[in-house]
């Protein structure tokens, strides 16, 4: 029994000894690194100054210090998502055509400051579900399907027209008086599409006719319900019969009339909303303004160059130290 206790104590002492030695070696490593950088402080300070100077020069001369960006949120109408995306994605190529630029009242000198124009959907899973519900009237079924897709899938091209809002981003190399003109010219040209203008005109004309009809129906129901207040029925669900000389209409209850009234009010509100916001191929939700966006730390030469130089020199000394240690180890083994 005593032998077993002694063995356990010896094993425990050995474990603590190993932990102690590991900790001591770690401290030695940290101290050696600190002493190394302290010893080479002047060298690394010079590298830092040189790196900052080079990085600042590159930032200034490559216009990399700031991005001038305007983000515009739009809501496409009349199934125009594909057309808008195709137009924006082909802009870089079309900007090379002077005839195209004339249509935008621009020239090559105006657009040389354009860095990038892009468009992307503002991804909302509920937009996809609502769209599928309108098309197929089975929300729960498509909810199960959407859960099978990851975030990367719902951003694919086939889902673009499901999303209500989209972000058009204009990026410029520097500030210029032509930046705002370029933005308005591009957006106005998209709106000038004759096909979608005709669709809009016809749709709005039909909406106005539908609104008038729905308002007359609503007025008729209100008048009838007001008359019922003077001569109320015995029960709310008691049948009401509308008749004319030519035919008899189906029986309608007070409850169904009230329900019909609510549906008409909701429909009229939606139609009036369309008359205001669906006049063009897209509605602007947020026009924003051109802002200066500072690049992220890892993208700026001002920080990247000094870190690269210091890291490169540190790596050089590390391999030099490793080589020296290996040589010493080999010599000791040969003796």
C-alpha atoms as a PDB file:
ATOM      1  CA  UNK A   1       0.000   0.000   0.000  1.00  0.00           C
ATOM      2  CA  UNK A   2       2.854   2.353   0.911  1.00  0.00           C
ATOM      3  CA  UNK A   3       4.560   1.527  -2.382  1.00  0.00           C
ATOM      4  CA  UNK A   4       1.447   2.548  -4.311  1.00  0.00           C
ATOM      5  CA  UNK A   5       1.185   5.849  -2.425  1.00  0.00           C
ATOM      6  CA  UNK A   6       4.850   6.571  -3.056  1.00  0.00           C
ATOM      7  CA  UNK A   7       4.410   5.812  -6.754  1.00  0.00           C
ATOM      8  CA  UNK A   8       1.403   8.184  -6.991  1.00  0.00           C
ATOM      9  CA  UNK A   9       3.346  10.920  -5.213  1.00  0.00           C
ATOM     10  CA  UNK A  10       6.306  10.463  -7.565  1.00  0.00           C
ATOM     11  CA  UNK A  11       4.006  10.630 -10.636  1.00  0.00           C
ATOM     12  CA  UNK A  12       2.326  13.764  -9.275  1.00  0.00           C
ATOM     13  CA  UNK A  13       5.692  15.421  -8.618  1.00  0.00           C
ATOM     14  CA  UNK A  14       6.779  14.585 -12.173  1.00  0.00           C
ATOM     15  CA  UNK A  15       3.575  16.087 -13.644  1.00  0.00           C
ATOM     16  CA  UNK A  16       4.019  19.310 -11.651  1.00  0.00           C
ATOM     17  CA  UNK A  17       7.660  19.366 -12.687  1.00  0.00           C
ATOM     18  CA  UNK A  18       6.694  19.125 -16.365  1.00  0.00           C
ATOM     19  CA  UNK A  19       4.124  21.910 -15.985  1.00  0.00           C
ATOM     20  CA  UNK A  20       6.695  24.058 -14.187  1.00  0.00           C
ATOM     21  CA  UNK A  21       9.310  23.499 -16.897  1.00  0.00           C
ATOM     22  CA  UNK A  22       6.780  24.245 -19.678  1.00  0.00           C
ATOM     23  CA  UNK A  23       5.759  27.483 -17.985  1.00  0.00           C
ATOM     24  CA  UNK A  24       9.416  28.477 -17.475  1.00  0.00           C
ATOM     25  CA  UNK A  25      10.196  27.770 -21.142  1.00  0.00           C
ATOM     26  CA  UNK A  26       7.194  29.840 -22.210  1.00  0.00           C
ATOM     27  CA  UNK A  27       8.335  32.772 -20.047  1.00  0.00           C
ATOM     28  CA  UNK A  28      11.845  32.484 -21.481  1.00  0.00           C
ATOM     29  CA  UNK A  29      10.397  32.600 -25.001  1.00  0.00           C
ATOM     30  CA  UNK A  30       8.313  35.703 -24.242  1.00  0.00           C
ATOM     31  CA  UNK A  31      11.278  37.431 -22.573  1.00  0.00           C
ATOM     32  CA  UNK A  32      13.581  36.574 -25.490  1.00  0.00           C
ATOM     33  CA  UNK A  33      11.061  38.024 -27.987  1.00  0.00           C
ATOM     34  CA  UNK A  34      10.701  41.220 -25.935  1.00  0.00           C
ATOM     35  CA  UNK A  35      14.497  41.551 -25.609  1.00  0.00           C
ATOM     36  CA  UNK A  36      14.894  40.937 -29.353  1.00  0.00           C
ATOM     37  CA  UNK A  37      12.506  43.764 -30.308  1.00  0.00           C
ATOM     38  CA  UNK A  38      14.061  45.985 -27.634  1.00  0.00           C
ATOM     39  CA  UNK A  39      17.494  45.303 -29.068  1.00  0.00           C
ATOM     40  CA  UNK A  40      16.286  45.995 -32.622  1.00  0.00           C
ATOM     41  CA  UNK A  41      14.005  48.906 -31.642  1.00  0.00           C
ATOM     42  CA  UNK A  42      15.810  51.442 -33.851  1.00  0.00           C
ATOM     43  CA  UNK A  43      15.645  49.114 -36.879  1.00  0.00           C
ATOM     44  CA  UNK A  44      11.913  48.493 -36.501  1.00  0.00           C
ATOM     45  CA  UNK A  45      11.234  52.176 -35.820  1.00  0.00           C
ATOM     46  CA  UNK A  46      12.976  53.036 -39.102  1.00  0.00           C
ATOM     47  CA  UNK A  47      10.939  50.339 -40.903  1.00  0.00           C
ATOM     48  CA  UNK A  48       7.734  51.757 -39.387  1.00  0.00           C
ATOM     49  CA  UNK A  49       8.534  55.305 -40.564  1.00  0.00           C
ATOM     50  CA  UNK A  50       9.515  54.118 -44.049  1.00  0.00           C
ATOM     51  CA  UNK A  51       6.411  51.914 -44.312  1.00  0.00           C
ATOM     52  CA  UNK A  52       4.065  54.709 -43.234  1.00  0.00           C
ATOM     53  CA  UNK A  53       5.663  57.096 -45.732  1.00  0.00           C
ATOM     54  CA  UNK A  54       5.362  54.610 -48.607  1.00  0.00           C
ATOM     55  CA  UNK A  55       1.796  53.676 -47.627  1.00  0.00           C
ATOM     56  CA  UNK A  56       0.713  57.308 -47.394  1.00  0.00           C
ATOM     57  CA  UNK A  57       2.235  58.052 -50.800  1.00  0.00           C
ATOM     58  CA  UNK A  58       0.427  55.071 -52.384  1.00  0.00           C
ATOM     59  CA  UNK A  59      -2.883  56.005 -50.741  1.00  0.00           C
ATOM     60  CA  UNK A  60      -2.729  59.558 -51.996  1.00  0.00           C
ATOM     61  CA  UNK A  61      -1.627  58.760 -55.535  1.00  0.00           C
ATOM     62  CA  UNK A  62      -4.002  55.845 -56.053  1.00  0.00           C
ATOM     63  CA  UNK A  63      -7.016  57.611 -54.503  1.00  0.00           C
ATOM     64  CA  UNK A  64      -7.167  54.731 -52.036  1.00  0.00           C
ATOM     65  CA  UNK A  65      -7.652  56.774 -48.904  1.00  0.00           C
ATOM     66  CA  UNK A  66     -11.386  57.205 -49.384  1.00  0.00           C
ATOM     67  CA  UNK A  67     -14.198  55.805 -51.465  1.00  0.00           C
ATOM     68  CA  UNK A  68     -16.944  58.227 -52.464  1.00  0.00           C
ATOM     69  CA  UNK A  69     -20.118  56.214 -52.418  1.00  0.00           C
ATOM     70  CA  UNK A  70     -23.832  56.789 -52.883  1.00  0.00           C
ATOM     71  CA  UNK A  71     -26.259  53.999 -52.041  1.00  0.00           C
ATOM     72  CA  UNK A  72     -29.789  54.303 -53.433  1.00  0.00           C
ATOM     73  CA  UNK A  73     -32.595  51.993 -52.324  1.00  0.00           C
ATOM     74  CA  UNK A  74     -35.173  51.309 -55.046  1.00  0.00           C
ATOM     75  CA  UNK A  75     -38.384  49.282 -55.318  1.00  0.00           C
ATOM     76  CA  UNK A  76     -38.835  47.899 -58.861  1.00  0.00           C
ATOM     77  CA  UNK A  77     -42.341  47.740 -60.344  1.00  0.00           C
ATOM     78  CA  UNK A  78     -43.977  45.805 -63.184  1.00  0.00           C
ATOM     79  CA  UNK A  79     -41.601  42.803 -63.036  1.00  0.00           C
ATOM     80  CA  UNK A  80     -38.706  45.000 -64.133  1.00  0.00           C
ATOM     81  CA  UNK A  81     -36.027  43.506 -61.845  1.00  0.00           C
ATOM     82  CA  UNK A  82     -34.229  41.552 -64.569  1.00  0.00           C
ATOM     83  CA  UNK A  83     -34.191  44.538 -66.921  1.00  0.00           C
ATOM     84  CA  UNK A  84     -32.741  46.839 -64.234  1.00  0.00           C
ATOM     85  CA  UNK A  85     -30.078  44.302 -63.220  1.00  0.00           C
ATOM     86  CA  UNK A  86     -29.058  43.659 -66.829  1.00  0.00           C
ATOM     87  CA  UNK A  87     -28.832  47.396 -67.496  1.00  0.00           C
ATOM     88  CA  UNK A  88     -26.649  48.103 -64.442  1.00  0.00           C
ATOM     89  CA  UNK A  89     -24.406  45.078 -65.037  1.00  0.00           C
ATOM     90  CA  UNK A  90     -23.781  46.134 -68.659  1.00  0.00           C
ATOM     91  CA  UNK A  91     -23.015  49.759 -67.795  1.00  0.00           C
ATOM     92  CA  UNK A  92     -19.246  49.242 -67.619  1.00  0.00           C
ATOM     93  CA  UNK A  93     -19.280  47.933 -71.184  1.00  0.00           C
ATOM     94  CA  UNK A  94     -21.800  50.521 -72.469  1.00  0.00           C
ATOM     95  CA  UNK A  95     -19.787  53.411 -71.020  1.00  0.00           C
ATOM     96  CA  UNK A  96     -17.207  52.714 -73.731  1.00  0.00           C
ATOM     97  CA  UNK A  97     -19.785  53.630 -76.372  1.00  0.00           C
ATOM     98  CA  UNK A  98     -19.878  57.373 -77.040  1.00  0.00           C
ATOM     99  CA  UNK A  99     -23.324  57.138 -78.619  1.00  0.00           C
ATOM    100  CA  UNK A 100     -24.672  55.587 -75.438  1.00  0.00           C
ATOM    101  CA  UNK A 101     -23.067  58.338 -73.361  1.00  0.00           C
ATOM    102  CA  UNK A 102     -24.744  60.966 -75.540  1.00  0.00           C
ATOM    103  CA  UNK A 103     -28.117  59.478 -74.648  1.00  0.00           C
ATOM    104  CA  UNK A 104     -27.200  60.038 -71.003  1.00  0.00           C
ATOM    105  CA  UNK A 105     -25.935  63.579 -71.778  1.00  0.00           C
ATOM    106  CA  UNK A 106     -22.443  62.511 -70.658  1.00  0.00           C
ATOM    107  CA  UNK A 107     -18.996  62.078 -72.207  1.00  0.00           C
ATOM    108  CA  UNK A 108     -15.799  60.142 -71.494  1.00  0.00           C
ATOM    109  CA  UNK A 109     -14.381  63.019 -69.471  1.00  0.00           C
ATOM    110  CA  UNK A 110     -17.409  62.977 -67.158  1.00  0.00           C
ATOM    111  CA  UNK A 111     -17.270  59.249 -66.380  1.00  0.00           C
ATOM    112  CA  UNK A 112     -13.514  58.793 -65.869  1.00  0.00           C
ATOM    113  CA  UNK A 113     -14.108  59.269 -62.145  1.00  0.00           C
ATOM    114  CA  UNK A 114     -16.580  56.336 -61.978  1.00  0.00           C
ATOM    115  CA  UNK A 115     -15.027  53.402 -60.142  1.00  0.00           C
ATOM    116  CA  UNK A 116     -17.958  50.987 -60.031  1.00  0.00           C
ATOM    117  CA  UNK A 117     -21.749  50.847 -60.343  1.00  0.00           C
ATOM    118  CA  UNK A 118     -23.443  47.783 -58.873  1.00  0.00           C
ATOM    119  CA  UNK A 119     -26.830  46.522 -57.732  1.00  0.00           C
ATOM    120  CA  UNK A 120     -27.798  43.882 -55.193  1.00  0.00           C
ATOM    121  CA  UNK A 121     -30.997  42.746 -53.491  1.00  0.00           C
ATOM    122  CA  UNK A 122     -31.740  43.643 -49.907  1.00  0.00           C
ATOM    123  CA  UNK A 123     -32.267  40.071 -48.786  1.00  0.00           C
ATOM    124  CA  UNK A 124     -35.302  39.372 -46.620  1.00  0.00           C
ATOM    125  CA  UNK A 125     -36.579  35.830 -46.278  1.00  0.00           C
ATOM    126  CA  UNK A 126     -40.087  37.165 -45.620  1.00  0.00           C
ATOM    127  CA  UNK A 127     -40.101  38.818 -49.073  1.00  0.00           C
ATOM    128  CA  UNK A 128     -39.525  35.445 -50.711  1.00  0.00           C
ATOM    129  CA  UNK A 129     -42.236  33.783 -48.627  1.00  0.00           C
ATOM    130  CA  UNK A 130     -44.740  36.569 -49.331  1.00  0.00           C
ATOM    131  CA  UNK A 131     -44.018  36.357 -53.034  1.00  0.00           C
ATOM    132  CA  UNK A 132     -44.460  32.579 -53.074  1.00  0.00           C
ATOM    133  CA  UNK A 133     -47.658  32.901 -51.052  1.00  0.00           C
ATOM    134  CA  UNK A 134     -49.136  35.279 -53.614  1.00  0.00           C
ATOM    135  CA  UNK A 135     -48.192  32.947 -56.449  1.00  0.00           C
ATOM    136  CA  UNK A 136     -49.157  29.621 -54.924  1.00  0.00           C
ATOM    137  CA  UNK A 137     -51.258  30.411 -51.830  1.00  0.00           C
ATOM    138  CA  UNK A 138     -49.445  27.863 -49.677  1.00  0.00           C
ATOM    139  CA  UNK A 139     -47.138  29.662 -47.265  1.00  0.00           C
ATOM    140  CA  UNK A 140     -46.314  26.735 -44.977  1.00  0.00           C
ATOM    141  CA  UNK A 141     -45.243  24.481 -47.833  1.00  0.00           C
ATOM    142  CA  UNK A 142     -42.768  27.028 -49.200  1.00  0.00           C
ATOM    143  CA  UNK A 143     -41.593  27.928 -45.709  1.00  0.00           C
ATOM    144  CA  UNK A 144     -40.307  24.360 -45.427  1.00  0.00           C
ATOM    145  CA  UNK A 145     -38.608  24.695 -48.809  1.00  0.00           C
ATOM    146  CA  UNK A 146     -36.904  27.989 -47.893  1.00  0.00           C
ATOM    147  CA  UNK A 147     -35.490  26.462 -44.707  1.00  0.00           C
ATOM    148  CA  UNK A 148     -33.605  24.013 -46.922  1.00  0.00           C
ATOM    149  CA  UNK A 149     -31.646  26.892 -48.492  1.00  0.00           C
ATOM    150  CA  UNK A 150     -28.746  28.669 -46.831  1.00  0.00           C
ATOM    151  CA  UNK A 151     -28.188  32.422 -47.018  1.00  0.00           C
ATOM    152  CA  UNK A 152     -25.973  32.056 -50.080  1.00  0.00           C
ATOM    153  CA  UNK A 153     -28.755  30.340 -52.022  1.00  0.00           C
ATOM    154  CA  UNK A 154     -31.408  33.013 -51.467  1.00  0.00           C
ATOM    155  CA  UNK A 155     -29.042  35.647 -52.884  1.00  0.00           C
ATOM    156  CA  UNK A 156     -28.832  33.877 -56.214  1.00  0.00           C
ATOM    157  CA  UNK A 157     -30.174  35.413 -59.405  1.00  0.00           C
ATOM    158  CA  UNK A 158     -33.323  33.266 -59.504  1.00  0.00           C
ATOM    159  CA  UNK A 159     -34.589  34.918 -56.292  1.00  0.00           C
ATOM    160  CA  UNK A 160     -33.903  38.541 -57.321  1.00  0.00           C
ATOM    161  CA  UNK A 161     -37.431  39.403 -58.369  1.00  0.00           C
ATOM    162  CA  UNK A 162     -38.791  38.036 -55.083  1.00  0.00           C
ATOM    163  CA  UNK A 163     -37.229  40.855 -53.060  1.00  0.00           C
ATOM    164  CA  UNK A 164     -39.055  44.110 -52.590  1.00  0.00           C
ATOM    165  CA  UNK A 165     -36.059  46.451 -52.263  1.00  0.00           C
ATOM    166  CA  UNK A 166     -32.707  46.599 -54.054  1.00  0.00           C
ATOM    167  CA  UNK A 167     -29.589  48.708 -53.464  1.00  0.00           C
ATOM    168  CA  UNK A 168     -27.862  50.504 -56.344  1.00  0.00           C
ATOM    169  CA  UNK A 169     -24.327  51.556 -55.360  1.00  0.00           C
ATOM    170  CA  UNK A 170     -22.316  54.227 -57.180  1.00  0.00           C
ATOM    171  CA  UNK A 171     -18.606  54.343 -56.301  1.00  0.00           C
ATOM    172  CA  UNK A 172     -16.312  57.192 -57.371  1.00  0.00           C
ATOM    173  CA  UNK A 173     -12.556  57.655 -57.108  1.00  0.00           C
ATOM    174  CA  UNK A 174     -12.845  61.212 -55.845  1.00  0.00           C
ATOM    175  CA  UNK A 175     -15.238  64.086 -55.358  1.00  0.00           C
ATOM    176  CA  UNK A 176     -16.485  65.700 -58.548  1.00  0.00           C
ATOM    177  CA  UNK A 177     -19.317  67.971 -59.640  1.00  0.00           C
ATOM    178  CA  UNK A 178     -20.249  65.345 -62.238  1.00  0.00           C
ATOM    179  CA  UNK A 179     -20.920  62.561 -59.703  1.00  0.00           C
ATOM    180  CA  UNK A 180     -24.490  63.631 -58.984  1.00  0.00           C
ATOM    181  CA  UNK A 181     -25.130  64.222 -62.679  1.00  0.00           C
ATOM    182  CA  UNK A 182     -23.973  60.690 -63.536  1.00  0.00           C
ATOM    183  CA  UNK A 183     -26.297  59.188 -60.919  1.00  0.00           C
ATOM    184  CA  UNK A 184     -29.365  61.139 -62.044  1.00  0.00           C
ATOM    185  CA  UNK A 185     -28.581  60.454 -65.736  1.00  0.00           C
ATOM    186  CA  UNK A 186     -28.358  56.684 -65.183  1.00  0.00           C
ATOM    187  CA  UNK A 187     -31.556  56.518 -63.111  1.00  0.00           C
ATOM    188  CA  UNK A 188     -33.510  58.722 -65.524  1.00  0.00           C
ATOM    189  CA  UNK A 189     -32.389  56.631 -68.488  1.00  0.00           C
ATOM    190  CA  UNK A 190     -33.700  53.473 -66.794  1.00  0.00           C
ATOM    191  CA  UNK A 191     -37.028  55.219 -66.207  1.00  0.00           C
ATOM    192  CA  UNK A 192     -37.248  56.314 -69.840  1.00  0.00           C
ATOM    193  CA  UNK A 193     -37.788  52.758 -71.125  1.00  0.00           C
ATOM    194  CA  UNK A 194     -40.810  53.022 -73.458  1.00  0.00           C
ATOM    195  CA  UNK A 195     -42.090  49.501 -72.809  1.00  0.00           C
ATOM    196  CA  UNK A 196     -42.363  49.979 -69.057  1.00  0.00           C
ATOM    197  CA  UNK A 197     -43.767  53.481 -69.486  1.00  0.00           C
ATOM    198  CA  UNK A 198     -46.614  52.023 -71.567  1.00  0.00           C
ATOM    199  CA  UNK A 199     -47.224  49.288 -68.997  1.00  0.00           C
ATOM    200  CA  UNK A 200     -47.313  51.878 -66.224  1.00  0.00           C
ATOM    201  CA  UNK A 201     -49.707  54.141 -68.103  1.00  0.00           C
ATOM    202  CA  UNK A 202     -52.109  51.299 -68.910  1.00  0.00           C
ATOM    203  CA  UNK A 203     -51.954  49.801 -65.414  1.00  0.00           C
ATOM    204  CA  UNK A 204     -52.605  53.116 -63.690  1.00  0.00           C
ATOM    205  CA  UNK A 205     -55.498  53.839 -66.041  1.00  0.00           C
ATOM    206  CA  UNK A 206     -57.073  50.509 -65.124  1.00  0.00           C
ATOM    207  CA  UNK A 207     -56.412  51.148 -61.422  1.00  0.00           C
ATOM    208  CA  UNK A 208     -58.327  54.427 -61.576  1.00  0.00           C
ATOM    209  CA  UNK A 209     -61.331  52.704 -63.172  1.00  0.00           C
ATOM    210  CA  UNK A 210     -61.198  49.922 -60.557  1.00  0.00           C
ATOM    211  CA  UNK A 211     -61.011  52.429 -57.719  1.00  0.00           C
ATOM    212  CA  UNK A 212     -64.126  54.233 -58.941  1.00  0.00           C
ATOM    213  CA  UNK A 213     -66.029  50.952 -59.204  1.00  0.00           C
ATOM    214  CA  UNK A 214     -64.916  49.813 -55.767  1.00  0.00           C
ATOM    215  CA  UNK A 215     -65.834  53.167 -54.231  1.00  0.00           C
ATOM    216  CA  UNK A 216     -69.329  52.934 -55.720  1.00  0.00           C
ATOM    217  CA  UNK A 217     -69.705  49.419 -54.298  1.00  0.00           C
ATOM    218  CA  UNK A 218     -68.485  50.653 -50.922  1.00  0.00           C
ATOM    219  CA  UNK A 219     -70.917  53.571 -51.038  1.00  0.00           C
ATOM    220  CA  UNK A 220     -73.787  51.213 -51.844  1.00  0.00           C
ATOM    221  CA  UNK A 221     -72.916  48.956 -48.878  1.00  0.00           C
ATOM    222  CA  UNK A 222     -72.591  51.947 -46.527  1.00  0.00           C
ATOM    223  CA  UNK A 223     -75.987  53.292 -47.654  1.00  0.00           C
ATOM    224  CA  UNK A 224     -77.640  49.938 -47.176  1.00  0.00           C
ATOM    225  CA  UNK A 225     -76.111  49.429 -43.725  1.00  0.00           C
ATOM    226  CA  UNK A 226     -77.199  52.931 -42.690  1.00  0.00           C
ATOM    227  CA  UNK A 227     -80.749  52.094 -43.738  1.00  0.00           C
ATOM    228  CA  UNK A 228     -80.581  48.922 -41.660  1.00  0.00           C
ATOM    229  CA  UNK A 229     -79.883  51.010 -38.564  1.00  0.00           C
ATOM    230  CA  UNK A 230     -83.328  52.549 -38.978  1.00  0.00           C
ATOM    231  CA  UNK A 231     -85.034  49.182 -39.534  1.00  0.00           C
ATOM    232  CA  UNK A 232     -82.691  46.601 -37.970  1.00  0.00           C
ATOM    233  CA  UNK A 233     -82.991  42.888 -38.718  1.00  0.00           C
ATOM    234  CA  UNK A 234     -83.853  40.410 -35.963  1.00  0.00           C
ATOM    235  CA  UNK A 235     -80.433  38.765 -36.197  1.00  0.00           C
ATOM    236  CA  UNK A 236     -77.068  39.848 -37.540  1.00  0.00           C
ATOM    237  CA  UNK A 237     -76.831  36.807 -39.844  1.00  0.00           C
ATOM    238  CA  UNK A 238     -80.379  37.111 -41.136  1.00  0.00           C
ATOM    239  CA  UNK A 239     -80.443  36.781 -44.914  1.00  0.00           C
ATOM    240  CA  UNK A 240     -80.907  39.798 -47.137  1.00  0.00           C
ATOM    241  CA  UNK A 241     -82.172  39.381 -50.697  1.00  0.00           C
ATOM    242  CA  UNK A 242     -81.227  41.821 -53.419  1.00  0.00           C
ATOM    243  CA  UNK A 243     -83.496  41.618 -56.453  1.00  0.00           C
ATOM    244  CA  UNK A 244     -84.065  43.316 -59.758  1.00  0.00           C
ATOM    245  CA  UNK A 245     -86.518  42.985 -62.640  1.00  0.00           C
ATOM    246  CA  UNK A 246     -84.173  40.763 -64.651  1.00  0.00           C
ATOM    247  CA  UNK A 247     -82.739  38.447 -62.025  1.00  0.00           C
ATOM    248  CA  UNK A 248     -82.413  37.657 -58.354  1.00  0.00           C
ATOM    249  CA  UNK A 249     -79.053  38.035 -56.681  1.00  0.00           C
ATOM    250  CA  UNK A 250     -77.766  35.480 -54.135  1.00  0.00           C
ATOM    251  CA  UNK A 251     -78.769  35.960 -50.536  1.00  0.00           C
ATOM    252  CA  UNK A 252     -76.351  38.102 -48.544  1.00  0.00           C
ATOM    253  CA  UNK A 253     -76.147  38.475 -44.748  1.00  0.00           C
ATOM    254  CA  UNK A 254     -75.208  41.555 -42.737  1.00  0.00           C
ATOM    255  CA  UNK A 255     -72.025  39.794 -41.587  1.00  0.00           C
ATOM    256  CA  UNK A 256     -70.952  39.119 -45.170  1.00  0.00           C
ATOM    257  CA  UNK A 257     -71.679  42.743 -46.112  1.00  0.00           C
ATOM    258  CA  UNK A 258     -69.447  43.963 -43.281  1.00  0.00           C
ATOM    259  CA  UNK A 259     -66.716  41.579 -44.419  1.00  0.00           C
ATOM    260  CA  UNK A 260     -67.107  42.774 -48.007  1.00  0.00           C
ATOM    261  CA  UNK A 261     -66.826  46.367 -46.801  1.00  0.00           C
ATOM    262  CA  UNK A 262     -63.519  45.656 -45.035  1.00  0.00           C
ATOM    263  CA  UNK A 263     -62.127  43.941 -48.126  1.00  0.00           C
ATOM    264  CA  UNK A 264     -63.153  46.854 -50.340  1.00  0.00           C
ATOM    265  CA  UNK A 265     -61.502  49.391 -48.022  1.00  0.00           C
ATOM    266  CA  UNK A 266     -58.276  47.353 -48.011  1.00  0.00           C
ATOM    267  CA  UNK A 267     -58.363  46.977 -51.795  1.00  0.00           C
ATOM    268  CA  UNK A 268     -58.998  50.692 -52.373  1.00  0.00           C
ATOM    269  CA  UNK A 269     -56.078  51.590 -50.085  1.00  0.00           C
ATOM    270  CA  UNK A 270     -53.754  49.264 -52.034  1.00  0.00           C
ATOM    271  CA  UNK A 271     -54.906  50.684 -55.373  1.00  0.00           C
ATOM    272  CA  UNK A 272     -54.445  54.286 -54.220  1.00  0.00           C
ATOM    273  CA  UNK A 273     -50.970  53.326 -52.954  1.00  0.00           C
ATOM    274  CA  UNK A 274     -50.150  51.985 -56.426  1.00  0.00           C
ATOM    275  CA  UNK A 275     -51.357  55.199 -58.067  1.00  0.00           C
ATOM    276  CA  UNK A 276     -48.856  57.203 -55.999  1.00  0.00           C
ATOM    277  CA  UNK A 277     -45.823  54.879 -55.867  1.00  0.00           C
ATOM    278  CA  UNK A 278     -46.064  52.821 -59.078  1.00  0.00           C
ATOM    279  CA  UNK A 279     -45.978  55.634 -61.600  1.00  0.00           C
ATOM    280  CA  UNK A 280     -42.584  54.561 -62.963  1.00  0.00           C
ATOM    281  CA  UNK A 281     -40.473  51.464 -63.538  1.00  0.00           C
ATOM    282  CA  UNK A 282     -39.126  51.820 -59.987  1.00  0.00           C
ATOM    283  CA  UNK A 283     -39.759  53.891 -56.891  1.00  0.00           C
ATOM    284  CA  UNK A 284     -36.921  55.454 -54.915  1.00  0.00           C
ATOM    285  CA  UNK A 285     -37.175  54.420 -51.257  1.00  0.00           C
ATOM    286  CA  UNK A 286     -34.014  56.219 -50.110  1.00  0.00           C
ATOM    287  CA  UNK A 287     -31.944  58.423 -52.406  1.00  0.00           C
ATOM    288  CA  UNK A 288     -29.236  59.013 -49.814  1.00  0.00           C
ATOM    289  CA  UNK A 289     -26.270  61.201 -50.650  1.00  0.00           C
ATOM    290  CA  UNK A 290     -22.652  60.856 -51.750  1.00  0.00           C
ATOM    291  CA  UNK A 291     -20.582  60.102 -48.675  1.00  0.00           C
ATOM    292  CA  UNK A 292     -16.880  59.515 -48.126  1.00  0.00           C
ATOM    293  CA  UNK A 293     -16.210  56.019 -46.825  1.00  0.00           C
ATOM    294  CA  UNK A 294     -12.837  55.311 -45.290  1.00  0.00           C
ATOM    295  CA  UNK A 295     -11.418  51.988 -46.383  1.00  0.00           C
ATOM    296  CA  UNK A 296     -11.026  49.199 -43.861  1.00  0.00           C
ATOM    297  CA  UNK A 297      -7.763  48.991 -41.965  1.00  0.00           C
ATOM    298  CA  UNK A 298      -6.525  45.888 -43.813  1.00  0.00           C
ATOM    299  CA  UNK A 299      -7.168  47.522 -47.198  1.00  0.00           C
ATOM    300  CA  UNK A 300      -5.183  50.693 -46.599  1.00  0.00           C
ATOM    301  CA  UNK A 301      -1.548  50.894 -47.667  1.00  0.00           C
ATOM    302  CA  UNK A 302      -0.830  53.284 -44.808  1.00  0.00           C
ATOM    303  CA  UNK A 303      -1.112  50.344 -42.398  1.00  0.00           C
ATOM    304  CA  UNK A 304      -0.428  47.414 -44.710  1.00  0.00           C
ATOM    305  CA  UNK A 305       3.075  48.451 -45.855  1.00  0.00           C
ATOM    306  CA  UNK A 306       4.593  49.028 -42.338  1.00  0.00           C
ATOM    307  CA  UNK A 307       3.109  45.753 -41.033  1.00  0.00           C
ATOM    308  CA  UNK A 308       4.461  43.917 -44.074  1.00  0.00           C
ATOM    309  CA  UNK A 309       8.016  45.309 -43.658  1.00  0.00           C
ATOM    310  CA  UNK A 310       8.132  44.607 -39.913  1.00  0.00           C
ATOM    311  CA  UNK A 311       6.727  41.106 -40.425  1.00  0.00           C
ATOM    312  CA  UNK A 312       9.196  40.346 -43.223  1.00  0.00           C
ATOM    313  CA  UNK A 313      12.244  41.433 -41.196  1.00  0.00           C
ATOM    314  CA  UNK A 314      10.959  39.562 -38.112  1.00  0.00           C
ATOM    315  CA  UNK A 315      10.561  36.438 -40.229  1.00  0.00           C
ATOM    316  CA  UNK A 316      14.117  36.837 -41.539  1.00  0.00           C
ATOM    317  CA  UNK A 317      15.571  36.962 -38.008  1.00  0.00           C
ATOM    318  CA  UNK A 318      13.384  34.048 -36.925  1.00  0.00           C
ATOM    319  CA  UNK A 319      14.719  31.781 -39.685  1.00  0.00           C
ATOM    320  CA  UNK A 320      18.252  33.024 -38.965  1.00  0.00           C
ATOM    321  CA  UNK A 321      17.847  32.060 -35.302  1.00  0.00           C
ATOM    322  CA  UNK A 322      16.368  28.660 -36.244  1.00  0.00           C
ATOM    323  CA  UNK A 323      19.246  27.963 -38.615  1.00  0.00           C
ATOM    324  CA  UNK A 324      21.802  28.820 -35.936  1.00  0.00           C
ATOM    325  CA  UNK A 325      20.037  26.601 -33.362  1.00  0.00           C
ATOM    326  CA  UNK A 326      19.911  23.669 -35.784  1.00  0.00           C
ATOM    327  CA  UNK A 327      23.628  24.013 -36.579  1.00  0.00           C
ATOM    328  CA  UNK A 328      24.503  24.082 -32.888  1.00  0.00           C
ATOM    329  CA  UNK A 329      22.339  21.018 -32.258  1.00  0.00           C
ATOM    330  CA  UNK A 330      24.058  19.098 -35.093  1.00  0.00           C
ATOM    331  CA  UNK A 331      27.537  19.999 -33.816  1.00  0.00           C
ATOM    332  CA  UNK A 332      26.635  18.843 -30.286  1.00  0.00           C
ATOM    333  CA  UNK A 333      25.361  15.524 -31.623  1.00  0.00           C
ATOM    334  CA  UNK A 334      28.565  14.939 -33.640  1.00  0.00           C
ATOM    335  CA  UNK A 335      30.818  15.465 -30.592  1.00  0.00           C
END
